[in-house]
Amino acid sequence: MALVGKGSRRIVVDGTVYRWRLRGRPTYCQGLAWSPCTFAVEHANTPGTTLVVTTDQPHPSNWIGREAEPVLPSGVAAAVRLALREGWTPTAPGSSFHLDQSTGFMSSS
């Protein structure tokens, strides 16, 4: 599953180029801050398995005005390094690799 090119950002982590993307509009559950923000990362030159990271923050564009920390490139780089240590192989074909960092997320429901 490849990332949509529009809206993706380039990031270099330990000499390897990746693309990452945060969904611009929240899903219904993210909009109501019932579920946390997620972002996706893939290898820029040889896309294979997509990394899907679930954060511990609400989506920055949630509809209820809940305060959220922005997803920063430093956080993306840290998630990539952790996922690689946990077995993510970005150039290998396969289904998405999920990294759950949502511990501490407080749902608004």
PDB file of N, CA and C in Angstrom:
ATOM      1  N   MET A   1       0.853  -1.179   0.000  1.00  0.00           N
ATOM      2  CA  MET A   1       0.000   0.000   0.000  1.00  0.00           C
ATOM      3  C   MET A   1       0.894   1.235   0.000  1.00  0.00           C
ATOM      4  N   ALA A   2       0.860   2.003  -1.046  1.00  0.00           N
ATOM      5  CA  ALA A   2       1.706   3.185  -1.169  1.00  0.00           C
ATOM      6  C   ALA A   2       0.993   4.426  -0.639  1.00  0.00           C
ATOM      7  N   LEU A   3       1.793   5.353  -0.148  1.00  0.00           N
ATOM      8  CA  LEU A   3       1.249   6.625   0.312  1.00  0.00           C
ATOM      9  C   LEU A   3       0.799   7.462  -0.868  1.00  0.00           C
ATOM     10  N   VAL A   4      -0.190   8.274  -0.655  1.00  0.00           N
ATOM     11  CA  VAL A   4      -0.595   9.251  -1.649  1.00  0.00           C
ATOM     12  C   VAL A   4       0.506  10.307  -1.679  1.00  0.00           C
ATOM     13  N   GLY A   5       0.973  10.649  -2.869  1.00  0.00           N
ATOM     14  CA  GLY A   5       2.065  11.605  -2.989  1.00  0.00           C
ATOM     15  C   GLY A   5       1.714  13.007  -2.519  1.00  0.00           C
ATOM     16  N   LYS A   6       0.480  13.425  -2.793  1.00  0.00           N
ATOM     17  CA  LYS A   6       0.058  14.765  -2.416  1.00  0.00           C
ATOM     18  C   LYS A   6       0.030  14.898  -0.894  1.00  0.00           C
ATOM     19  N   GLY A   7       0.720  15.892  -0.393  1.00  0.00           N
ATOM     20  CA  GLY A   7       0.725  16.135   1.042  1.00  0.00           C
ATOM     21  C   GLY A   7       1.780  15.365   1.806  1.00  0.00           C
ATOM     22  N   SER A   8       2.535  14.500   1.126  1.00  0.00           N
ATOM     23  CA  SER A   8       3.569  13.757   1.844  1.00  0.00           C
ATOM     24  C   SER A   8       4.819  14.620   1.967  1.00  0.00           C
ATOM     25  N   ARG A   9       5.587  14.334   2.987  1.00  0.00           N
ATOM     26  CA  ARG A   9       6.802  15.099   3.262  1.00  0.00           C
ATOM     27  C   ARG A   9       8.001  14.171   3.259  1.00  0.00           C
ATOM     28  N   ARG A  10       9.113  14.702   2.856  1.00  0.00           N
ATOM     29  CA  ARG A  10      10.355  13.939   2.791  1.00  0.00           C
ATOM     30  C   ARG A  10      11.073  14.077   4.124  1.00  0.00           C
ATOM     31  N   ILE A  11      11.667  12.979   4.577  1.00  0.00           N
ATOM     32  CA  ILE A  11      12.464  12.997   5.796  1.00  0.00           C
ATOM     33  C   ILE A  11      13.624  12.015   5.610  1.00  0.00           C
ATOM     34  N   VAL A  12      14.787  12.390   6.105  1.00  0.00           N
ATOM     35  CA  VAL A  12      15.958  11.521   6.053  1.00  0.00           C
ATOM     36  C   VAL A  12      16.242  11.056   7.474  1.00  0.00           C
ATOM     37  N   VAL A  13      16.258   9.736   7.665  1.00  0.00           N
ATOM     38  CA  VAL A  13      16.522   9.154   8.980  1.00  0.00           C
ATOM     39  C   VAL A  13      17.727   8.244   8.836  1.00  0.00           C
ATOM     40  N   ASP A  14      18.798   8.593   9.520  1.00  0.00           N
ATOM     41  CA  ASP A  14      20.034   7.809   9.500  1.00  0.00           C
ATOM     42  C   ASP A  14      20.493   7.511   8.068  1.00  0.00           C
ATOM     43  N   GLY A  15      20.399   8.504   7.192  1.00  0.00           N
ATOM     44  CA  GLY A  15      20.877   8.382   5.826  1.00  0.00           C
ATOM     45  C   GLY A  15      19.905   7.777   4.831  1.00  0.00           C
ATOM     46  N   THR A  16      18.741   7.347   5.278  1.00  0.00           N
ATOM     47  CA  THR A  16      17.736   6.753   4.400  1.00  0.00           C
ATOM     48  C   THR A  16      16.588   7.737   4.213  1.00  0.00           C
ATOM     49  N   VAL A  17      16.121   7.872   2.973  1.00  0.00           N
ATOM     50  CA  VAL A  17      15.053   8.823   2.661  1.00  0.00           C
ATOM     51  C   VAL A  17      13.697   8.117   2.748  1.00  0.00           C
ATOM     52  N   TYR A  18      12.787   8.732   3.487  1.00  0.00           N
ATOM     53  CA  TYR A  18      11.422   8.245   3.645  1.00  0.00           C
ATOM     54  C   TYR A  18      10.473   9.366   3.262  1.00  0.00           C
ATOM     55  N   ARG A  19       9.211   9.009   3.054  1.00  0.00           N
ATOM     56  CA  ARG A  19       8.124   9.975   2.902  1.00  0.00           C
ATOM     57  C   ARG A  19       7.130   9.691   4.014  1.00  0.00           C
ATOM     58  N   TRP A  20       6.577  10.735   4.591  1.00  0.00           N
ATOM     59  CA  TRP A  20       5.565  10.548   5.624  1.00  0.00           C
ATOM     60  C   TRP A  20       4.396  11.487   5.369  1.00  0.00           C
ATOM     61  N   ARG A  21       3.274  11.095   5.910  1.00  0.00           N
ATOM     62  CA  ARG A  21       2.056  11.869   5.667  1.00  0.00           C
ATOM     63  C   ARG A  21       1.099  11.742   6.848  1.00  0.00           C
ATOM     64  N   LEU A  22       0.579  12.880   7.240  1.00  0.00           N
ATOM     65  CA  LEU A  22      -0.486  12.958   8.238  1.00  0.00           C
ATOM     66  C   LEU A  22      -1.762  13.259   7.476  1.00  0.00           C
ATOM     67  N   ARG A  23      -2.799  12.520   7.740  1.00  0.00           N
ATOM     68  CA  ARG A  23      -4.073  12.773   7.074  1.00  0.00           C
ATOM     69  C   ARG A  23      -4.523  14.193   7.403  1.00  0.00           C
ATOM     70  N   GLY A  24      -4.821  14.970   6.354  1.00  0.00           N
ATOM     71  CA  GLY A  24      -5.204  16.373   6.542  1.00  0.00           C
ATOM     72  C   GLY A  24      -6.505  16.542   7.297  1.00  0.00           C
ATOM     73  N   ARG A  25      -7.497  15.794   6.903  1.00  0.00           N
ATOM     74  CA  ARG A  25      -8.784  15.827   7.601  1.00  0.00           C
ATOM     75  C   ARG A  25      -8.855  14.639   8.540  1.00  0.00           C
ATOM     76  N   PRO A  26      -9.336  14.863   9.744  1.00  0.00           N
ATOM     77  CA  PRO A  26      -9.455  13.728  10.658  1.00  0.00           C
ATOM     78  C   PRO A  26     -10.582  12.785  10.234  1.00  0.00           C
ATOM     79  N   THR A  27     -10.457  11.524  10.623  1.00  0.00           N
ATOM     80  CA  THR A  27     -11.572  10.603  10.461  1.00  0.00           C
ATOM     81  C   THR A  27     -12.674  11.056  11.426  1.00  0.00           C
ATOM     82  N   TYR A  28     -13.857  10.470  11.327  1.00  0.00           N
ATOM     83  CA  TYR A  28     -14.956  10.849  12.213  1.00  0.00           C
ATOM     84  C   TYR A  28     -14.549  10.691  13.680  1.00  0.00           C
ATOM     85  N   CYS A  29     -13.979   9.547  14.007  1.00  0.00           N
ATOM     86  CA  CYS A  29     -13.582   9.291  15.404  1.00  0.00           C
ATOM     87  C   CYS A  29     -12.449  10.205  15.852  1.00  0.00           C
ATOM     88  N   GLN A  30     -11.527  10.520  14.940  1.00  0.00           N
ATOM     89  CA  GLN A  30     -10.458  11.462  15.279  1.00  0.00           C
ATOM     90  C   GLN A  30     -11.008  12.876  15.435  1.00  0.00           C
ATOM     91  N   GLY A  31     -11.987  13.231  14.603  1.00  0.00           N
ATOM     92  CA  GLY A  31     -12.589  14.555  14.681  1.00  0.00           C
ATOM     93  C   GLY A  31     -13.263  14.816  16.013  1.00  0.00           C
ATOM     94  N   LEU A  32     -13.825  13.761  16.585  1.00  0.00           N
ATOM     95  CA  LEU A  32     -14.467  13.877  17.895  1.00  0.00           C
ATOM     96  C   LEU A  32     -13.511  13.562  19.043  1.00  0.00           C
ATOM     97  N   ALA A  33     -12.250  13.324  18.705  1.00  0.00           N
ATOM     98  CA  ALA A  33     -11.189  12.992  19.670  1.00  0.00           C
ATOM     99  C   ALA A  33     -11.494  11.707  20.431  1.00  0.00           C
ATOM    100  N   TRP A  34     -12.183  10.791  19.755  1.00  0.00           N
ATOM    101  CA  TRP A  34     -12.431   9.477  20.338  1.00  0.00           C
ATOM    102  C   TRP A  34     -11.245   8.555  20.091  1.00  0.00           C
ATOM    103  N   SER A  35     -10.511   8.792  18.997  1.00  0.00           N
ATOM    104  CA  SER A  35      -9.339   7.984  18.682  1.00  0.00           C
ATOM    105  C   SER A  35      -8.175   8.924  18.359  1.00  0.00           C
ATOM    106  N   PRO A  36      -6.943   8.454  18.578  1.00  0.00           N
ATOM    107  CA  PRO A  36      -5.779   9.323  18.408  1.00  0.00           C
ATOM    108  C   PRO A  36      -5.386   9.528  16.948  1.00  0.00           C
ATOM    109  N   CYS A  37      -4.539  10.490  16.763  1.00  0.00           N
ATOM    110  CA  CYS A  37      -3.981  10.837  15.460  1.00  0.00           C
ATOM    111  C   CYS A  37      -3.034   9.723  14.987  1.00  0.00           C
ATOM    112  N   THR A  38      -3.018   9.487  13.685  1.00  0.00           N
ATOM    113  CA  THR A  38      -2.090   8.522  13.093  1.00  0.00           C
ATOM    114  C   THR A  38      -1.373   9.178  11.919  1.00  0.00           C
ATOM    115  N   PHE A  39      -0.189   8.644  11.610  1.00  0.00           N
ATOM    116  CA  PHE A  39       0.508   9.068  10.404  1.00  0.00           C
ATOM    117  C   PHE A  39       1.165   7.848   9.781  1.00  0.00           C
ATOM    118  N   ALA A  40       1.510   7.979   8.499  1.00  0.00           N
ATOM    119  CA  ALA A  40       2.079   6.860   7.757  1.00  0.00           C
ATOM    120  C   ALA A  40       3.445   7.254   7.202  1.00  0.00           C
ATOM    121  N   VAL A  41       4.330   6.244   7.098  1.00  0.00           N
ATOM    122  CA  VAL A  41       5.686   6.446   6.608  1.00  0.00           C
ATOM    123  C   VAL A  41       6.007   5.325   5.631  1.00  0.00           C
ATOM    124  N   GLU A  42       6.746   5.657   4.561  1.00  0.00           N
ATOM    125  CA  GLU A  42       7.220   4.628   3.648  1.00  0.00           C
ATOM    126  C   GLU A  42       8.606   5.002   3.128  1.00  0.00           C
ATOM    127  N   HIS A  43       9.332   4.011   2.647  1.00  0.00           N
ATOM    128  CA  HIS A  43      10.629   4.240   2.023  1.00  0.00           C
ATOM    129  C   HIS A  43      10.390   5.054   0.758  1.00  0.00           C
ATOM    130  N   ALA A  44      11.184   6.088   0.509  1.00  0.00           N
ATOM    131  CA  ALA A  44      10.934   6.992  -0.615  1.00  0.00           C
ATOM    132  C   ALA A  44      11.258   6.365  -1.964  1.00  0.00           C
ATOM    133  N   ASN A  45      12.322   5.577  -2.044  1.00  0.00           N
ATOM    134  CA  ASN A  45      12.764   5.053  -3.334  1.00  0.00           C
ATOM    135  C   ASN A  45      12.220   3.675  -3.660  1.00  0.00           C
ATOM    136  N   THR A  46      12.005   2.848  -2.655  1.00  0.00           N
ATOM    137  CA  THR A  46      11.518   1.485  -2.851  1.00  0.00           C
ATOM    138  C   THR A  46      10.376   1.221  -1.877  1.00  0.00           C
ATOM    139  N   PRO A  47       9.203   1.805  -2.130  1.00  0.00           N
ATOM    140  CA  PRO A  47       8.093   1.611  -1.185  1.00  0.00           C
ATOM    141  C   PRO A  47       7.702   0.140  -1.089  1.00  0.00           C
ATOM    142  N   GLY A  48       7.588  -0.318   0.115  1.00  0.00           N
ATOM    143  CA  GLY A  48       7.160  -1.694   0.372  1.00  0.00           C
ATOM    144  C   GLY A  48       6.100  -1.672   1.450  1.00  0.00           C
ATOM    145  N   THR A  49       6.473  -2.109   2.628  1.00  0.00           N
ATOM    146  CA  THR A  49       5.562  -2.119   3.769  1.00  0.00           C
ATOM    147  C   THR A  49       5.435  -0.709   4.342  1.00  0.00           C
ATOM    148  N   THR A  50       4.217  -0.247   4.491  1.00  0.00           N
ATOM    149  CA  THR A  50       3.959   1.079   5.055  1.00  0.00           C
ATOM    150  C   THR A  50       3.912   0.994   6.571  1.00  0.00           C
ATOM    151  N   LEU A  51       4.571   1.922   7.224  1.00  0.00           N
ATOM    152  CA  LEU A  51       4.523   2.036   8.675  1.00  0.00           C
ATOM    153  C   LEU A  51       3.360   2.937   9.042  1.00  0.00           C
ATOM    154  N   VAL A  52       2.471   2.462   9.908  1.00  0.00           N
ATOM    155  CA  VAL A  52       1.347   3.263  10.402  1.00  0.00           C
ATOM    156  C   VAL A  52       1.560   3.475  11.894  1.00  0.00           C
ATOM    157  N   VAL A  53       1.715   4.724  12.291  1.00  0.00           N
ATOM    158  CA  VAL A  53       2.018   5.068  13.686  1.00  0.00           C
ATOM    159  C   VAL A  53       0.791   5.703  14.322  1.00  0.00           C
ATOM    160  N   THR A  54       0.355   5.135  15.435  1.00  0.00           N
ATOM    161  CA  THR A  54      -0.735   5.699  16.223  1.00  0.00           C
ATOM    162  C   THR A  54      -0.107   6.478  17.363  1.00  0.00           C
ATOM    163  N   THR A  55      -0.396   7.773  17.417  1.00  0.00           N
ATOM    164  CA  THR A  55       0.202   8.638  18.438  1.00  0.00           C
ATOM    165  C   THR A  55      -0.647   8.640  19.712  1.00  0.00           C
ATOM    166  N   ASP A  56      -0.193   9.399  20.689  1.00  0.00           N
ATOM    167  CA  ASP A  56      -0.965   9.545  21.933  1.00  0.00           C
ATOM    168  C   ASP A  56      -1.666  10.902  21.987  1.00  0.00           C
ATOM    169  N   GLN A  57      -1.807  11.547  20.817  1.00  0.00           N
ATOM    170  CA  GLN A  57      -2.400  12.881  20.729  1.00  0.00           C
ATOM    171  C   GLN A  57      -3.684  12.865  19.906  1.00  0.00           C
ATOM    172  N   PRO A  58      -4.609  13.774  20.166  1.00  0.00           N
ATOM    173  CA  PRO A  58      -5.745  13.917  19.262  1.00  0.00           C
ATOM    174  C   PRO A  58      -5.261  14.518  17.939  1.00  0.00           C
ATOM    175  N   HIS A  59      -6.051  14.357  16.898  1.00  0.00           N
ATOM    176  CA  HIS A  59      -5.711  14.951  15.600  1.00  0.00           C
ATOM    177  C   HIS A  59      -5.691  16.472  15.760  1.00  0.00           C
ATOM    178  N   PRO A  60      -4.687  17.155  15.195  1.00  0.00           N
ATOM    179  CA  PRO A  60      -4.621  18.616  15.346  1.00  0.00           C
ATOM    180  C   PRO A  60      -5.851  19.350  14.802  1.00  0.00           C
ATOM    181  N   SER A  61      -6.572  18.742  13.875  1.00  0.00           N
ATOM    182  CA  SER A  61      -7.774  19.381  13.314  1.00  0.00           C
ATOM    183  C   SER A  61      -9.056  18.791  13.887  1.00  0.00           C
ATOM    184  N   ASN A  62      -9.014  18.324  15.130  1.00  0.00           N
ATOM    185  CA  ASN A  62     -10.235  17.758  15.717  1.00  0.00           C
ATOM    186  C   ASN A  62     -11.293  18.847  15.833  1.00  0.00           C
ATOM    187  N   TRP A  63     -12.542  18.429  15.827  1.00  0.00           N
ATOM    188  CA  TRP A  63     -13.669  19.350  15.733  1.00  0.00           C
ATOM    189  C   TRP A  63     -14.101  19.936  17.067  1.00  0.00           C
ATOM    190  N   ILE A  64     -13.610  19.391  18.149  1.00  0.00           N
ATOM    191  CA  ILE A  64     -14.095  19.850  19.453  1.00  0.00           C
ATOM    192  C   ILE A  64     -13.123  20.812  20.133  1.00  0.00           C
ATOM    193  N   GLY A  65     -12.055  21.156  19.423  1.00  0.00           N
ATOM    194  CA  GLY A  65     -11.106  22.126  19.956  1.00  0.00           C
ATOM    195  C   GLY A  65     -10.157  21.586  20.993  1.00  0.00           C
ATOM    196  N   ARG A  66     -10.024  20.278  21.034  1.00  0.00           N
ATOM    197  CA  ARG A  66      -9.105  19.690  22.003  1.00  0.00           C
ATOM    198  C   ARG A  66      -7.669  20.008  21.603  1.00  0.00           C
ATOM    199  N   GLU A  67      -6.884  20.465  22.543  1.00  0.00           N
ATOM    200  CA  GLU A  67      -5.498  20.840  22.272  1.00  0.00           C
ATOM    201  C   GLU A  67      -4.682  19.619  21.878  1.00  0.00           C
ATOM    202  N   ALA A  68      -3.831  19.792  20.869  1.00  0.00           N
ATOM    203  CA  ALA A  68      -3.019  18.685  20.374  1.00  0.00           C
ATOM    204  C   ALA A  68      -1.619  19.180  20.045  1.00  0.00           C
ATOM    205  N   GLU A  69      -0.652  18.354  20.325  1.00  0.00           N
ATOM    206  CA  GLU A  69       0.720  18.642  19.918  1.00  0.00           C
ATOM    207  C   GLU A  69       0.850  18.313  18.438  1.00  0.00           C
ATOM    208  N   PRO A  70       1.555  19.123  17.676  1.00  0.00           N
ATOM    209  CA  PRO A  70       1.741  18.808  16.255  1.00  0.00           C
ATOM    210  C   PRO A  70       2.663  17.603  16.076  1.00  0.00           C
ATOM    211  N   VAL A  71       2.510  16.904  14.958  1.00  0.00           N
ATOM    212  CA  VAL A  71       3.424  15.823  14.612  1.00  0.00           C
ATOM    213  C   VAL A  71       4.642  16.480  13.982  1.00  0.00           C
ATOM    214  N   LEU A  72       5.775  16.338  14.629  1.00  0.00           N
ATOM    215  CA  LEU A  72       7.004  16.979  14.173  1.00  0.00           C
ATOM    216  C   LEU A  72       7.924  15.963  13.495  1.00  0.00           C
ATOM    217  N   PRO A  73       8.779  16.425  12.594  1.00  0.00           N
ATOM    218  CA  PRO A  73       9.733  15.511  11.960  1.00  0.00           C
ATOM    219  C   PRO A  73      10.588  14.736  12.974  1.00  0.00           C
ATOM    220  N   SER A  74      10.919  15.344  14.085  1.00  0.00           N
ATOM    221  CA  SER A  74      11.707  14.632  15.101  1.00  0.00           C
ATOM    222  C   SER A  74      10.933  13.438  15.656  1.00  0.00           C
ATOM    223  N   GLY A  75       9.620  13.595  15.833  1.00  0.00           N
ATOM    224  CA  GLY A  75       8.781  12.488  16.297  1.00  0.00           C
ATOM    225  C   GLY A  75       8.644  11.401  15.251  1.00  0.00           C
ATOM    226  N   VAL A  76       8.567  11.810  13.989  1.00  0.00           N
ATOM    227  CA  VAL A  76       8.497  10.840  12.895  1.00  0.00           C
ATOM    228  C   VAL A  76       9.792  10.041  12.835  1.00  0.00           C
ATOM    229  N   ALA A  77      10.925  10.723  12.935  1.00  0.00           N
ATOM    230  CA  ALA A  77      12.225  10.047  12.905  1.00  0.00           C
ATOM    231  C   ALA A  77      12.362   9.064  14.068  1.00  0.00           C
ATOM    232  N   ALA A  78      11.926   9.465  15.248  1.00  0.00           N
ATOM    233  CA  ALA A  78      11.990   8.568  16.411  1.00  0.00           C
ATOM    234  C   ALA A  78      11.110   7.340  16.194  1.00  0.00           C
ATOM    235  N   ALA A  79       9.928   7.535  15.614  1.00  0.00           N
ATOM    236  CA  ALA A  79       9.030   6.405  15.344  1.00  0.00           C
ATOM    237  C   ALA A  79       9.635   5.467  14.305  1.00  0.00           C
ATOM    238  N   VAL A  80      10.276   6.019  13.288  1.00  0.00           N
ATOM    239  CA  VAL A  80      10.926   5.189  12.266  1.00  0.00           C
ATOM    240  C   VAL A  80      12.027   4.343  12.905  1.00  0.00           C
ATOM    241  N   ARG A  81      12.863   4.959  13.723  1.00  0.00           N
ATOM    242  CA  ARG A  81      13.950   4.211  14.385  1.00  0.00           C
ATOM    243  C   ARG A  81      13.401   3.092  15.272  1.00  0.00           C
ATOM    244  N   LEU A  82      12.346   3.392  16.029  1.00  0.00           N
ATOM    245  CA  LEU A  82      11.737   2.382  16.897  1.00  0.00           C
ATOM    246  C   LEU A  82      11.141   1.246  16.070  1.00  0.00           C
ATOM    247  N   ALA A  83      10.431   1.586  15.005  1.00  0.00           N
ATOM    248  CA  ALA A  83       9.815   0.563  14.161  1.00  0.00           C
ATOM    249  C   ALA A  83      10.882  -0.329  13.520  1.00  0.00           C
ATOM    250  N   LEU A  84      11.978   0.264  13.088  1.00  0.00           N
ATOM    251  CA  LEU A  84      13.070  -0.540  12.513  1.00  0.00           C
ATOM    252  C   LEU A  84      13.632  -1.514  13.548  1.00  0.00           C
ATOM    253  N   ARG A  85      13.783  -1.042  14.788  1.00  0.00           N
ATOM    254  CA  ARG A  85      14.260  -1.929  15.868  1.00  0.00           C
ATOM    255  C   ARG A  85      13.261  -3.043  16.150  1.00  0.00           C
ATOM    256  N   GLU A  86      11.969  -2.764  15.954  1.00  0.00           N
ATOM    257  CA  GLU A  86      10.932  -3.755  16.235  1.00  0.00           C
ATOM    258  C   GLU A  86      10.615  -4.655  15.044  1.00  0.00           C
ATOM    259  N   GLY A  87      11.362  -4.487  13.940  1.00  0.00           N
ATOM    260  CA  GLY A  87      11.211  -5.425  12.838  1.00  0.00           C
ATOM    261  C   GLY A  87      10.588  -4.908  11.557  1.00  0.00           C
ATOM    262  N   TRP A  88      10.303  -3.623  11.476  1.00  0.00           N
ATOM    263  CA  TRP A  88       9.754  -3.070  10.238  1.00  0.00           C
ATOM    264  C   TRP A  88      10.813  -3.149   9.143  1.00  0.00           C
ATOM    265  N   THR A  89      10.434  -3.699   8.000  1.00  0.00           N
ATOM    266  CA  THR A  89      11.310  -3.772   6.837  1.00  0.00           C
ATOM    267  C   THR A  89      10.651  -2.936   5.739  1.00  0.00           C
ATOM    268  N   PRO A  90      11.041  -1.666   5.609  1.00  0.00           N
ATOM    269  CA  PRO A  90      10.318  -0.748   4.739  1.00  0.00           C
ATOM    270  C   PRO A  90      10.354  -1.083   3.250  1.00  0.00           C
ATOM    271  N   THR A  91      11.353  -1.800   2.780  1.00  0.00           N
ATOM    272  CA  THR A  91      11.433  -2.100   1.348  1.00  0.00           C
ATOM    273  C   THR A  91      10.832  -3.456   0.987  1.00  0.00           C
ATOM    274  N   ALA A  92      10.436  -4.229   1.973  1.00  0.00           N
ATOM    275  CA  ALA A  92       9.841  -5.549   1.708  1.00  0.00           C
ATOM    276  C   ALA A  92       8.345  -5.396   1.444  1.00  0.00           C
ATOM    277  N   PRO A  93       7.805  -6.143   0.485  1.00  0.00           N
ATOM    278  CA  PRO A  93       6.356  -6.081   0.263  1.00  0.00           C
ATOM    279  C   PRO A  93       5.612  -6.704   1.442  1.00  0.00           C
ATOM    280  N   GLY A  94       4.397  -6.274   1.630  1.00  0.00           N
ATOM    281  CA  GLY A  94       3.596  -6.846   2.707  1.00  0.00           C
ATOM    282  C   GLY A  94       2.576  -5.866   3.229  1.00  0.00           C
ATOM    283  N   SER A  95       1.809  -6.337   4.196  1.00  0.00           N
ATOM    284  CA  SER A  95       0.780  -5.480   4.782  1.00  0.00           C
ATOM    285  C   SER A  95       1.433  -4.463   5.721  1.00  0.00           C
ATOM    286  N   SER A  96       0.669  -3.490   6.129  1.00  0.00           N
ATOM    287  CA  SER A  96       1.170  -2.404   6.962  1.00  0.00           C
ATOM    288  C   SER A  96       1.773  -2.907   8.263  1.00  0.00           C
ATOM    289  N   PHE A  97       2.783  -2.191   8.730  1.00  0.00           N
ATOM    290  CA  PHE A  97       3.405  -2.451  10.022  1.00  0.00           C
ATOM    291  C   PHE A  97       2.864  -1.393  10.972  1.00  0.00           C
ATOM    292  N   HIS A  98       2.244  -1.812  12.055  1.00  0.00           N
ATOM    293  CA  HIS A  98       1.609  -0.868  12.982  1.00  0.00           C
ATOM    294  C   HIS A  98       2.473  -0.665  14.213  1.00  0.00           C
ATOM    295  N   LEU A  99       2.689   0.589  14.537  1.00  0.00           N
ATOM    296  CA  LEU A  99       3.425   0.976  15.736  1.00  0.00           C
ATOM    297  C   LEU A  99       2.466   1.771  16.611  1.00  0.00           C
ATOM    298  N   ASP A 100       2.094   1.197  17.736  1.00  0.00           N
ATOM    299  CA  ASP A 100       1.113   1.825  18.619  1.00  0.00           C
ATOM    300  C   ASP A 100       1.827   2.576  19.739  1.00  0.00           C
ATOM    301  N   GLN A 101       1.734   3.890  19.685  1.00  0.00           N
ATOM    302  CA  GLN A 101       2.312   4.743  20.722  1.00  0.00           C
ATOM    303  C   GLN A 101       1.210   5.536  21.424  1.00  0.00           C
ATOM    304  N   SER A 102       0.029   4.934  21.501  1.00  0.00           N
ATOM    305  CA  SER A 102      -1.141   5.648  22.018  1.00  0.00           C
ATOM    306  C   SER A 102      -1.325   5.541  23.524  1.00  0.00           C
ATOM    307  N   THR A 103      -0.380   4.929  24.225  1.00  0.00           N
ATOM    308  CA  THR A 103      -0.498   4.851  25.674  1.00  0.00           C
ATOM    309  C   THR A 103      -0.607   6.251  26.267  1.00  0.00           C
ATOM    310  N   GLY A 104      -1.619   6.462  27.035  1.00  0.00           N
ATOM    311  CA  GLY A 104      -1.833   7.768  27.656  1.00  0.00           C
ATOM    312  C   GLY A 104      -2.868   8.611  26.929  1.00  0.00           C
ATOM    313  N   PHE A 105      -3.331   8.173  25.752  1.00  0.00           N
ATOM    314  CA  PHE A 105      -4.355   8.950  25.041  1.00  0.00           C
ATOM    315  C   PHE A 105      -5.652   8.904  25.832  1.00  0.00           C
ATOM    316  N   MET A 106      -6.246  10.074  26.014  1.00  0.00           N
ATOM    317  CA  MET A 106      -7.514  10.174  26.729  1.00  0.00           C
ATOM    318  C   MET A 106      -8.615  10.512  25.722  1.00  0.00           C
ATOM    319  N   SER A 107      -9.510   9.565  25.495  1.00  0.00           N
ATOM    320  CA  SER A 107     -10.627   9.770  24.588  1.00  0.00           C
ATOM    321  C   SER A 107     -11.590  10.780  25.175  1.00  0.00           C
ATOM    322  N   SER A 108     -12.227  11.548  24.302  1.00  0.00           N
ATOM    323  CA  SER A 108     -13.200  12.534  24.785  1.00  0.00           C
ATOM    324  C   SER A 108     -14.582  11.940  24.968  1.00  0.00           C
ATOM    325  N   SER A 109     -14.743  10.638  24.680  1.00  0.00           N
ATOM    326  CA  SER A 109     -16.072  10.028  24.811  1.00  0.00           C
ATOM    327  C   SER A 109     -16.411   9.693  26.241  1.00  0.00           C
TER     328      SER A 109
END
